[in-house]
Amino acid sequence: MTAKNLFSLAGFLLASFSAGAIGSQFGPGDWFAALNKPSWNPPGWLFGPVWSLLYTMMGVAAWRVWRKAGFRGAPVALGAFAFQLALNAAWSWLFFGLHRMDLAFFEIIILWFAILGTAIAFRRIDRPAAWLLVPYLMWVAFATVLNATFWRLNPV
């Protein structure tokens, strides 16, 4: 791997993990601890490893697309990637920061479609890149159901 490719991979990983870093500014805290939770709510320790793996896969996927097509050759695909990253970061702010499970629910639905759109755009350029987003899409689908359940169990 060339230095340019390695540096670019690091940049895409940094971009992906930046969304997580922004979102992590709005942690669960006491508010979340006091909520009614479904019995199938994952343990808190699981989220760090899962998101670390997902952000890594997202960064590698975007890097693969960039490596094949560049920014000029993949403006829609990489723009969709940036858009879904922004939505990813915004969800934590809505749910944990503002305590708005309702807004977070509608936002996460938009996020899911943005991820799907990104995967479709990636597929046109690099099929493995699209497949790298499938676990993320599945996790966000699960998170959508979880968000809805929290909202139902904790009416405002």
N, C-alpha and C. Protein backbone atom coordinates (compact mmCIF):
# COMPACT_ATOMS: atom_id res chain seq x y z
N MET A 1 0.85 -1.17 0.00
CA MET A 1 0.00 0.00 0.00
C MET A 1 0.90 1.24 0.00
N THR A 2 0.57 2.19 -0.85
CA THR A 2 1.36 3.41 -0.93
C THR A 2 1.08 4.31 0.27
N ALA A 3 1.96 5.24 0.48
CA ALA A 3 1.79 6.20 1.58
C ALA A 3 0.51 7.02 1.36
N LYS A 4 0.24 7.37 0.09
CA LYS A 4 -0.98 8.13 -0.23
C LYS A 4 -2.22 7.34 0.15
N ASN A 5 -2.25 6.06 -0.19
CA ASN A 5 -3.40 5.23 0.15
C ASN A 5 -3.55 5.05 1.66
N LEU A 6 -2.44 4.87 2.34
CA LEU A 6 -2.47 4.71 3.79
C LEU A 6 -2.96 5.99 4.47
N PHE A 7 -2.46 7.12 4.00
CA PHE A 7 -2.88 8.41 4.54
C PHE A 7 -4.37 8.64 4.27
N SER A 8 -4.82 8.27 3.08
CA SER A 8 -6.23 8.44 2.73
C SER A 8 -7.12 7.54 3.57
N LEU A 9 -6.69 6.30 3.77
CA LEU A 9 -7.45 5.39 4.63
C LEU A 9 -7.57 5.97 6.04
N ALA A 10 -6.49 6.50 6.55
CA ALA A 10 -6.52 7.12 7.88
C ALA A 10 -7.50 8.29 7.90
N GLY A 11 -7.56 9.05 6.82
CA GLY A 11 -8.50 10.18 6.75
C GLY A 11 -9.95 9.73 6.78
N PHE A 12 -10.26 8.68 6.03
CA PHE A 12 -11.64 8.18 6.04
C PHE A 12 -12.00 7.55 7.38
N LEU A 13 -11.05 6.87 8.00
CA LEU A 13 -11.31 6.33 9.34
C LEU A 13 -11.52 7.46 10.34
N LEU A 14 -10.72 8.50 10.23
CA LEU A 14 -10.87 9.66 11.11
C LEU A 14 -12.24 10.31 10.93
N ALA A 15 -12.67 10.43 9.68
CA ALA A 15 -13.99 11.01 9.41
C ALA A 15 -15.09 10.17 10.06
N SER A 16 -14.99 8.86 9.91
CA SER A 16 -16.00 7.98 10.48
C SER A 16 -16.01 8.06 12.00
N PHE A 17 -14.84 7.96 12.59
CA PHE A 17 -14.77 8.00 14.05
C PHE A 17 -15.11 9.38 14.61
N SER A 18 -14.98 10.41 13.79
CA SER A 18 -15.36 11.76 14.23
C SER A 18 -16.86 11.83 14.52
N ALA A 19 -17.65 11.15 13.69
CA ALA A 19 -19.10 11.12 13.95
C ALA A 19 -19.36 10.48 15.31
N GLY A 20 -18.63 9.41 15.60
CA GLY A 20 -18.78 8.78 16.91
C GLY A 20 -18.30 9.66 18.04
N ALA A 21 -17.22 10.39 17.81
CA ALA A 21 -16.70 11.28 18.84
C ALA A 21 -17.67 12.41 19.13
N ILE A 22 -18.29 12.94 18.09
CA ILE A 22 -19.29 13.99 18.29
C ILE A 22 -20.47 13.43 19.07
N GLY A 23 -20.95 12.28 18.63
CA GLY A 23 -22.08 11.65 19.31
C GLY A 23 -21.79 11.30 20.76
N SER A 24 -20.55 10.93 21.03
CA SER A 24 -20.19 10.53 22.40
C SER A 24 -20.20 11.70 23.38
N GLN A 25 -20.27 12.91 22.88
CA GLN A 25 -20.36 14.07 23.75
C GLN A 25 -21.70 14.11 24.49
N PHE A 26 -22.63 13.33 23.99
CA PHE A 26 -23.97 13.26 24.59
C PHE A 26 -24.19 11.85 25.09
N GLY A 27 -23.56 11.52 26.19
CA GLY A 27 -23.64 10.17 26.75
C GLY A 27 -24.96 9.91 27.45
N PRO A 28 -25.19 8.67 27.79
CA PRO A 28 -26.46 8.29 28.42
C PRO A 28 -26.76 9.04 29.72
N GLY A 29 -25.85 9.01 30.67
CA GLY A 29 -26.03 9.75 31.92
C GLY A 29 -27.19 9.30 32.78
N ASP A 30 -27.50 10.12 33.78
CA ASP A 30 -28.54 9.80 34.77
C ASP A 30 -29.92 9.72 34.14
N TRP A 31 -30.19 10.59 33.17
CA TRP A 31 -31.49 10.58 32.50
C TRP A 31 -31.77 9.20 31.90
N PHE A 32 -30.80 8.67 31.18
CA PHE A 32 -30.98 7.38 30.53
C PHE A 32 -31.09 6.26 31.57
N ALA A 33 -30.31 6.35 32.61
CA ALA A 33 -30.33 5.32 33.66
C ALA A 33 -31.71 5.20 34.30
N ALA A 34 -32.44 6.30 34.35
CA ALA A 34 -33.76 6.30 34.99
C ALA A 34 -34.88 5.83 34.06
N LEU A 35 -34.61 5.64 32.79
CA LEU A 35 -35.66 5.24 31.84
C LEU A 35 -36.08 3.79 32.03
N ASN A 36 -37.32 3.50 31.67
CA ASN A 36 -37.78 2.13 31.58
C ASN A 36 -37.15 1.53 30.32
N LYS A 37 -36.59 0.32 30.47
CA LYS A 37 -35.88 -0.30 29.36
C LYS A 37 -36.49 -1.66 29.04
N PRO A 38 -36.47 -2.04 27.77
CA PRO A 38 -36.95 -3.38 27.44
C PRO A 38 -35.96 -4.43 27.95
N SER A 39 -36.46 -5.63 28.16
CA SER A 39 -35.61 -6.71 28.68
C SER A 39 -34.49 -7.06 27.71
N TRP A 40 -34.68 -6.78 26.44
CA TRP A 40 -33.71 -7.12 25.42
C TRP A 40 -32.75 -5.96 25.09
N ASN A 41 -32.76 -4.95 25.92
CA ASN A 41 -31.82 -3.83 25.74
C ASN A 41 -30.39 -4.35 25.93
N PRO A 42 -29.50 -4.11 24.96
CA PRO A 42 -28.13 -4.60 25.09
C PRO A 42 -27.42 -3.95 26.28
N PRO A 43 -26.46 -4.65 26.87
CA PRO A 43 -25.68 -4.05 27.97
C PRO A 43 -24.84 -2.89 27.44
N GLY A 44 -24.63 -1.92 28.28
CA GLY A 44 -23.90 -0.73 27.89
C GLY A 44 -22.50 -0.99 27.33
N TRP A 45 -21.81 -2.00 27.87
CA TRP A 45 -20.44 -2.28 27.44
C TRP A 45 -20.38 -2.73 25.98
N LEU A 46 -21.49 -3.18 25.41
CA LEU A 46 -21.49 -3.69 24.04
C LEU A 46 -21.38 -2.59 22.99
N PHE A 47 -21.85 -1.40 23.31
CA PHE A 47 -21.93 -0.34 22.31
C PHE A 47 -20.57 0.14 21.82
N GLY A 48 -19.60 0.26 22.70
CA GLY A 48 -18.27 0.71 22.29
C GLY A 48 -17.62 -0.21 21.26
N PRO A 49 -17.52 -1.51 21.55
CA PRO A 49 -16.93 -2.42 20.56
C PRO A 49 -17.72 -2.49 19.25
N VAL A 50 -19.04 -2.50 19.34
CA VAL A 50 -19.85 -2.59 18.12
C VAL A 50 -19.64 -1.35 17.26
N TRP A 51 -19.73 -0.17 17.88
CA TRP A 51 -19.57 1.05 17.10
C TRP A 51 -18.14 1.19 16.57
N SER A 52 -17.17 0.75 17.33
CA SER A 52 -15.78 0.81 16.83
C SER A 52 -15.63 -0.03 15.57
N LEU A 53 -16.19 -1.22 15.57
CA LEU A 53 -16.15 -2.08 14.39
C LEU A 53 -16.91 -1.44 13.23
N LEU A 54 -18.09 -0.91 13.51
CA LEU A 54 -18.90 -0.30 12.45
C LEU A 54 -18.23 0.92 11.85
N TYR A 55 -17.67 1.79 12.69
CA TYR A 55 -16.98 2.97 12.16
C TYR A 55 -15.76 2.57 11.33
N THR A 56 -15.07 1.53 11.74
CA THR A 56 -13.94 1.04 10.96
C THR A 56 -14.42 0.55 9.59
N MET A 57 -15.47 -0.25 9.58
CA MET A 57 -16.00 -0.76 8.32
C MET A 57 -16.50 0.37 7.43
N MET A 58 -17.12 1.38 8.01
CA MET A 58 -17.61 2.52 7.24
C MET A 58 -16.44 3.27 6.60
N GLY A 59 -15.40 3.51 7.39
CA GLY A 59 -14.24 4.22 6.86
C GLY A 59 -13.56 3.46 5.74
N VAL A 60 -13.42 2.16 5.91
CA VAL A 60 -12.80 1.33 4.87
C VAL A 60 -13.67 1.34 3.62
N ALA A 61 -14.98 1.27 3.79
CA ALA A 61 -15.89 1.28 2.64
C ALA A 61 -15.75 2.57 1.85
N ALA A 62 -15.77 3.70 2.53
CA ALA A 62 -15.64 4.99 1.84
C ALA A 62 -14.27 5.11 1.18
N TRP A 63 -13.24 4.63 1.83
CA TRP A 63 -11.90 4.67 1.26
C TRP A 63 -11.82 3.84 -0.01
N ARG A 64 -12.45 2.68 0.00
CA ARG A 64 -12.46 1.82 -1.21
C ARG A 64 -13.13 2.54 -2.38
N VAL A 65 -14.23 3.23 -2.11
CA VAL A 65 -14.93 3.98 -3.15
C VAL A 65 -14.03 5.10 -3.65
N TRP A 66 -13.44 5.84 -2.73
CA TRP A 66 -12.54 6.93 -3.12
C TRP A 66 -11.37 6.40 -3.94
N ARG A 67 -10.80 5.27 -3.52
CA ARG A 67 -9.64 4.71 -4.21
C ARG A 67 -10.00 4.31 -5.64
N LYS A 68 -11.21 3.83 -5.85
CA LYS A 68 -11.62 3.42 -7.19
C LYS A 68 -12.03 4.60 -8.07
N ALA A 69 -12.71 5.59 -7.48
CA ALA A 69 -13.30 6.64 -8.30
C ALA A 69 -12.82 8.06 -7.97
N GLY A 70 -12.27 8.24 -6.79
CA GLY A 70 -11.87 9.59 -6.37
C GLY A 70 -13.09 10.44 -6.03
N PHE A 71 -12.83 11.64 -5.58
CA PHE A 71 -13.92 12.54 -5.22
C PHE A 71 -14.69 12.98 -6.46
N ARG A 72 -13.98 13.22 -7.54
CA ARG A 72 -14.65 13.65 -8.78
C ARG A 72 -15.48 12.54 -9.40
N GLY A 73 -15.05 11.31 -9.25
CA GLY A 73 -15.77 10.20 -9.84
C GLY A 73 -16.89 9.65 -8.98
N ALA A 74 -16.93 10.06 -7.72
CA ALA A 74 -17.96 9.53 -6.81
C ALA A 74 -18.54 10.62 -5.92
N PRO A 75 -18.93 11.77 -6.50
CA PRO A 75 -19.44 12.83 -5.63
C PRO A 75 -20.75 12.47 -4.94
N VAL A 76 -21.61 11.74 -5.62
CA VAL A 76 -22.89 11.36 -5.00
C VAL A 76 -22.64 10.34 -3.89
N ALA A 77 -21.85 9.33 -4.18
CA ALA A 77 -21.58 8.27 -3.19
C ALA A 77 -20.88 8.84 -1.95
N LEU A 78 -19.85 9.63 -2.15
CA LEU A 78 -19.12 10.16 -1.00
C LEU A 78 -19.89 11.28 -0.31
N GLY A 79 -20.72 12.00 -1.07
CA GLY A 79 -21.60 12.99 -0.45
C GLY A 79 -22.65 12.31 0.43
N ALA A 80 -23.20 11.20 -0.06
CA ALA A 80 -24.16 10.42 0.74
C ALA A 80 -23.50 9.89 1.99
N PHE A 81 -22.25 9.47 1.86
CA PHE A 81 -21.50 9.00 3.02
C PHE A 81 -21.36 10.10 4.07
N ALA A 82 -21.00 11.30 3.64
CA ALA A 82 -20.86 12.42 4.57
C ALA A 82 -22.20 12.78 5.21
N PHE A 83 -23.26 12.73 4.42
CA PHE A 83 -24.59 13.04 4.93
C PHE A 83 -25.01 12.06 6.03
N GLN A 84 -24.81 10.77 5.77
CA GLN A 84 -25.21 9.79 6.78
C GLN A 84 -24.34 9.89 8.03
N LEU A 85 -23.07 10.29 7.87
CA LEU A 85 -22.22 10.50 9.05
C LEU A 85 -22.77 11.64 9.91
N ALA A 86 -23.23 12.71 9.26
CA ALA A 86 -23.80 13.84 10.01
C ALA A 86 -25.07 13.40 10.75
N LEU A 87 -25.90 12.62 10.07
CA LEU A 87 -27.10 12.10 10.73
C LEU A 87 -26.75 11.18 11.90
N ASN A 88 -25.72 10.38 11.72
CA ASN A 88 -25.25 9.47 12.76
C ASN A 88 -24.90 10.26 14.02
N ALA A 89 -24.14 11.32 13.85
CA ALA A 89 -23.73 12.14 15.00
C ALA A 89 -24.93 12.85 15.63
N ALA A 90 -25.88 13.28 14.78
CA ALA A 90 -27.03 14.05 15.28
C ALA A 90 -27.97 13.21 16.14
N TRP A 91 -28.03 11.91 15.89
CA TRP A 91 -28.96 11.08 16.65
C TRP A 91 -28.65 11.14 18.15
N SER A 92 -27.39 11.01 18.51
CA SER A 92 -27.02 11.04 19.94
C SER A 92 -27.40 12.37 20.58
N TRP A 93 -27.23 13.45 19.83
CA TRP A 93 -27.59 14.77 20.34
C TRP A 93 -29.10 14.83 20.61
N LEU A 94 -29.90 14.32 19.66
CA LEU A 94 -31.35 14.34 19.84
C LEU A 94 -31.79 13.44 20.99
N PHE A 95 -31.29 12.21 21.01
CA PHE A 95 -31.75 11.24 22.00
C PHE A 95 -31.18 11.53 23.38
N PHE A 96 -29.86 11.57 23.49
CA PHE A 96 -29.22 11.73 24.80
C PHE A 96 -29.07 13.19 25.21
N GLY A 97 -28.79 14.06 24.25
CA GLY A 97 -28.57 15.46 24.57
C GLY A 97 -29.86 16.21 24.88
N LEU A 98 -30.83 16.11 23.97
CA LEU A 98 -32.10 16.83 24.13
C LEU A 98 -33.18 16.00 24.82
N HIS A 99 -32.92 14.70 24.98
CA HIS A 99 -33.89 13.78 25.57
C HIS A 99 -35.18 13.73 24.74
N ARG A 100 -35.01 13.81 23.43
CA ARG A 100 -36.15 13.81 22.52
C ARG A 100 -36.20 12.48 21.77
N MET A 101 -36.75 11.49 22.43
CA MET A 101 -36.86 10.17 21.81
C MET A 101 -37.72 10.21 20.56
N ASP A 102 -38.70 11.10 20.53
CA ASP A 102 -39.57 11.22 19.37
C ASP A 102 -38.80 11.74 18.15
N LEU A 103 -38.09 12.84 18.32
CA LEU A 103 -37.30 13.38 17.20
C LEU A 103 -36.18 12.42 16.79
N ALA A 104 -35.57 11.78 17.79
CA ALA A 104 -34.51 10.82 17.49
C ALA A 104 -35.06 9.65 16.68
N PHE A 105 -36.29 9.23 16.97
CA PHE A 105 -36.89 8.13 16.22
C PHE A 105 -37.07 8.51 14.75
N PHE A 106 -37.61 9.68 14.50
CA PHE A 106 -37.81 10.08 13.10
C PHE A 106 -36.48 10.31 12.40
N GLU A 107 -35.52 10.83 13.14
CA GLU A 107 -34.19 11.06 12.56
C GLU A 107 -33.50 9.74 12.23
N ILE A 108 -33.63 8.73 13.07
CA ILE A 108 -32.96 7.47 12.82
C ILE A 108 -33.56 6.73 11.62
N ILE A 109 -34.84 6.97 11.36
CA ILE A 109 -35.45 6.42 10.14
C ILE A 109 -34.79 7.06 8.91
N ILE A 110 -34.61 8.36 8.96
CA ILE A 110 -33.93 9.05 7.86
C ILE A 110 -32.49 8.54 7.74
N LEU A 111 -31.83 8.33 8.88
CA LEU A 111 -30.47 7.79 8.88
C LEU A 111 -30.44 6.43 8.19
N TRP A 112 -31.39 5.55 8.51
CA TRP A 112 -31.42 4.22 7.91
C TRP A 112 -31.51 4.32 6.38
N PHE A 113 -32.40 5.18 5.90
CA PHE A 113 -32.53 5.36 4.45
C PHE A 113 -31.27 5.99 3.84
N ALA A 114 -30.63 6.87 4.59
CA ALA A 114 -29.38 7.47 4.10
C ALA A 114 -28.27 6.42 3.99
N ILE A 115 -28.22 5.51 4.95
CA ILE A 115 -27.23 4.42 4.89
C ILE A 115 -27.54 3.53 3.69
N LEU A 116 -28.81 3.19 3.52
CA LEU A 116 -29.20 2.37 2.38
C LEU A 116 -28.82 3.05 1.07
N GLY A 117 -29.11 4.33 0.96
CA GLY A 117 -28.75 5.08 -0.25
C GLY A 117 -27.24 5.10 -0.46
N THR A 118 -26.50 5.24 0.61
CA THR A 118 -25.04 5.22 0.51
C THR A 118 -24.56 3.86 0.03
N ALA A 119 -25.12 2.80 0.57
CA ALA A 119 -24.73 1.45 0.15
C ALA A 119 -25.04 1.23 -1.32
N ILE A 120 -26.18 1.70 -1.77
CA ILE A 120 -26.54 1.56 -3.18
C ILE A 120 -25.57 2.34 -4.06
N ALA A 121 -25.25 3.56 -3.64
CA ALA A 121 -24.29 4.37 -4.40
C ALA A 121 -22.90 3.73 -4.40
N PHE A 122 -22.50 3.17 -3.26
CA PHE A 122 -21.21 2.50 -3.17
C PHE A 122 -21.18 1.27 -4.08
N ARG A 123 -22.28 0.55 -4.13
CA ARG A 123 -22.35 -0.69 -4.92
C ARG A 123 -22.06 -0.43 -6.39
N ARG A 124 -22.47 0.70 -6.88
CA ARG A 124 -22.22 1.05 -8.29
C ARG A 124 -20.74 1.23 -8.58
N ILE A 125 -19.96 1.49 -7.54
CA ILE A 125 -18.53 1.74 -7.71
C ILE A 125 -17.69 0.57 -7.22
N ASP A 126 -18.08 0.00 -6.06
CA ASP A 126 -17.29 -1.07 -5.45
C ASP A 126 -18.20 -1.94 -4.59
N ARG A 127 -18.51 -3.13 -5.06
CA ARG A 127 -19.44 -4.00 -4.34
C ARG A 127 -18.98 -4.33 -2.92
N PRO A 128 -17.71 -4.66 -2.70
CA PRO A 128 -17.30 -4.93 -1.32
C PRO A 128 -17.54 -3.73 -0.39
N ALA A 129 -17.40 -2.52 -0.91
CA ALA A 129 -17.66 -1.33 -0.08
C ALA A 129 -19.12 -1.30 0.36
N ALA A 130 -20.01 -1.65 -0.54
CA ALA A 130 -21.43 -1.69 -0.18
C ALA A 130 -21.68 -2.76 0.89
N TRP A 131 -21.08 -3.92 0.74
CA TRP A 131 -21.26 -4.99 1.72
C TRP A 131 -20.71 -4.61 3.09
N LEU A 132 -19.69 -3.78 3.11
CA LEU A 132 -19.14 -3.34 4.40
C LEU A 132 -20.15 -2.50 5.19
N LEU A 133 -21.14 -1.92 4.52
CA LEU A 133 -22.15 -1.11 5.19
C LEU A 133 -23.34 -1.92 5.69
N VAL A 134 -23.46 -3.17 5.27
CA VAL A 134 -24.62 -3.98 5.65
C VAL A 134 -24.72 -4.18 7.17
N PRO A 135 -23.64 -4.51 7.88
CA PRO A 135 -23.78 -4.64 9.35
C PRO A 135 -24.24 -3.32 10.01
N TYR A 136 -23.77 -2.21 9.51
CA TYR A 136 -24.18 -0.89 10.00
C TYR A 136 -25.67 -0.69 9.76
N LEU A 137 -26.13 -1.03 8.57
CA LEU A 137 -27.55 -0.91 8.25
C LEU A 137 -28.39 -1.78 9.18
N MET A 138 -27.92 -2.98 9.45
CA MET A 138 -28.64 -3.89 10.34
C MET A 138 -28.65 -3.37 11.79
N TRP A 139 -27.52 -2.85 12.25
CA TRP A 139 -27.44 -2.31 13.61
C TRP A 139 -28.36 -1.11 13.78
N VAL A 140 -28.41 -0.26 12.77
CA VAL A 140 -29.28 0.92 12.85
C VAL A 140 -30.75 0.49 12.77
N ALA A 141 -31.05 -0.57 12.05
CA ALA A 141 -32.43 -1.10 12.04
C ALA A 141 -32.80 -1.56 13.46
N PHE A 142 -31.89 -2.27 14.10
CA PHE A 142 -32.12 -2.70 15.49
C PHE A 142 -32.26 -1.48 16.40
N ALA A 143 -31.39 -0.50 16.22
CA ALA A 143 -31.45 0.71 17.05
C ALA A 143 -32.75 1.48 16.83
N THR A 144 -33.29 1.42 15.63
CA THR A 144 -34.57 2.08 15.35
C THR A 144 -35.69 1.44 16.17
N VAL A 145 -35.71 0.12 16.19
CA VAL A 145 -36.72 -0.59 16.99
C VAL A 145 -36.51 -0.30 18.47
N LEU A 146 -35.26 -0.27 18.90
CA LEU A 146 -34.96 0.03 20.29
C LEU A 146 -35.40 1.45 20.65
N ASN A 147 -35.11 2.41 19.77
CA ASN A 147 -35.52 3.81 19.98
C ASN A 147 -37.04 3.89 20.12
N ALA A 148 -37.76 3.22 19.23
CA ALA A 148 -39.22 3.23 19.28
C ALA A 148 -39.73 2.62 20.58
N THR A 149 -39.07 1.57 21.02
CA THR A 149 -39.48 0.91 22.27
C THR A 149 -39.23 1.81 23.47
N PHE A 150 -38.10 2.47 23.50
CA PHE A 150 -37.83 3.42 24.59
C PHE A 150 -38.89 4.52 24.61
N TRP A 151 -39.23 5.02 23.47
CA TRP A 151 -40.22 6.09 23.35
C TRP A 151 -41.58 5.60 23.87
N ARG A 152 -41.94 4.36 23.51
CA ARG A 152 -43.22 3.79 23.94
C ARG A 152 -43.23 3.54 25.45
N LEU A 153 -42.12 3.06 26.00
CA LEU A 153 -42.04 2.75 27.43
C LEU A 153 -41.90 3.99 28.31
N ASN A 154 -41.51 5.10 27.72
CA ASN A 154 -41.24 6.32 28.47
C ASN A 154 -41.94 7.51 27.82
N PRO A 155 -43.27 7.51 27.83
CA PRO A 155 -43.98 8.63 27.18
C PRO A 155 -43.64 9.94 27.87
N VAL A 156 -43.55 10.97 27.07
CA VAL A 156 -43.19 12.29 27.60
C VAL A 156 -44.37 12.95 28.26
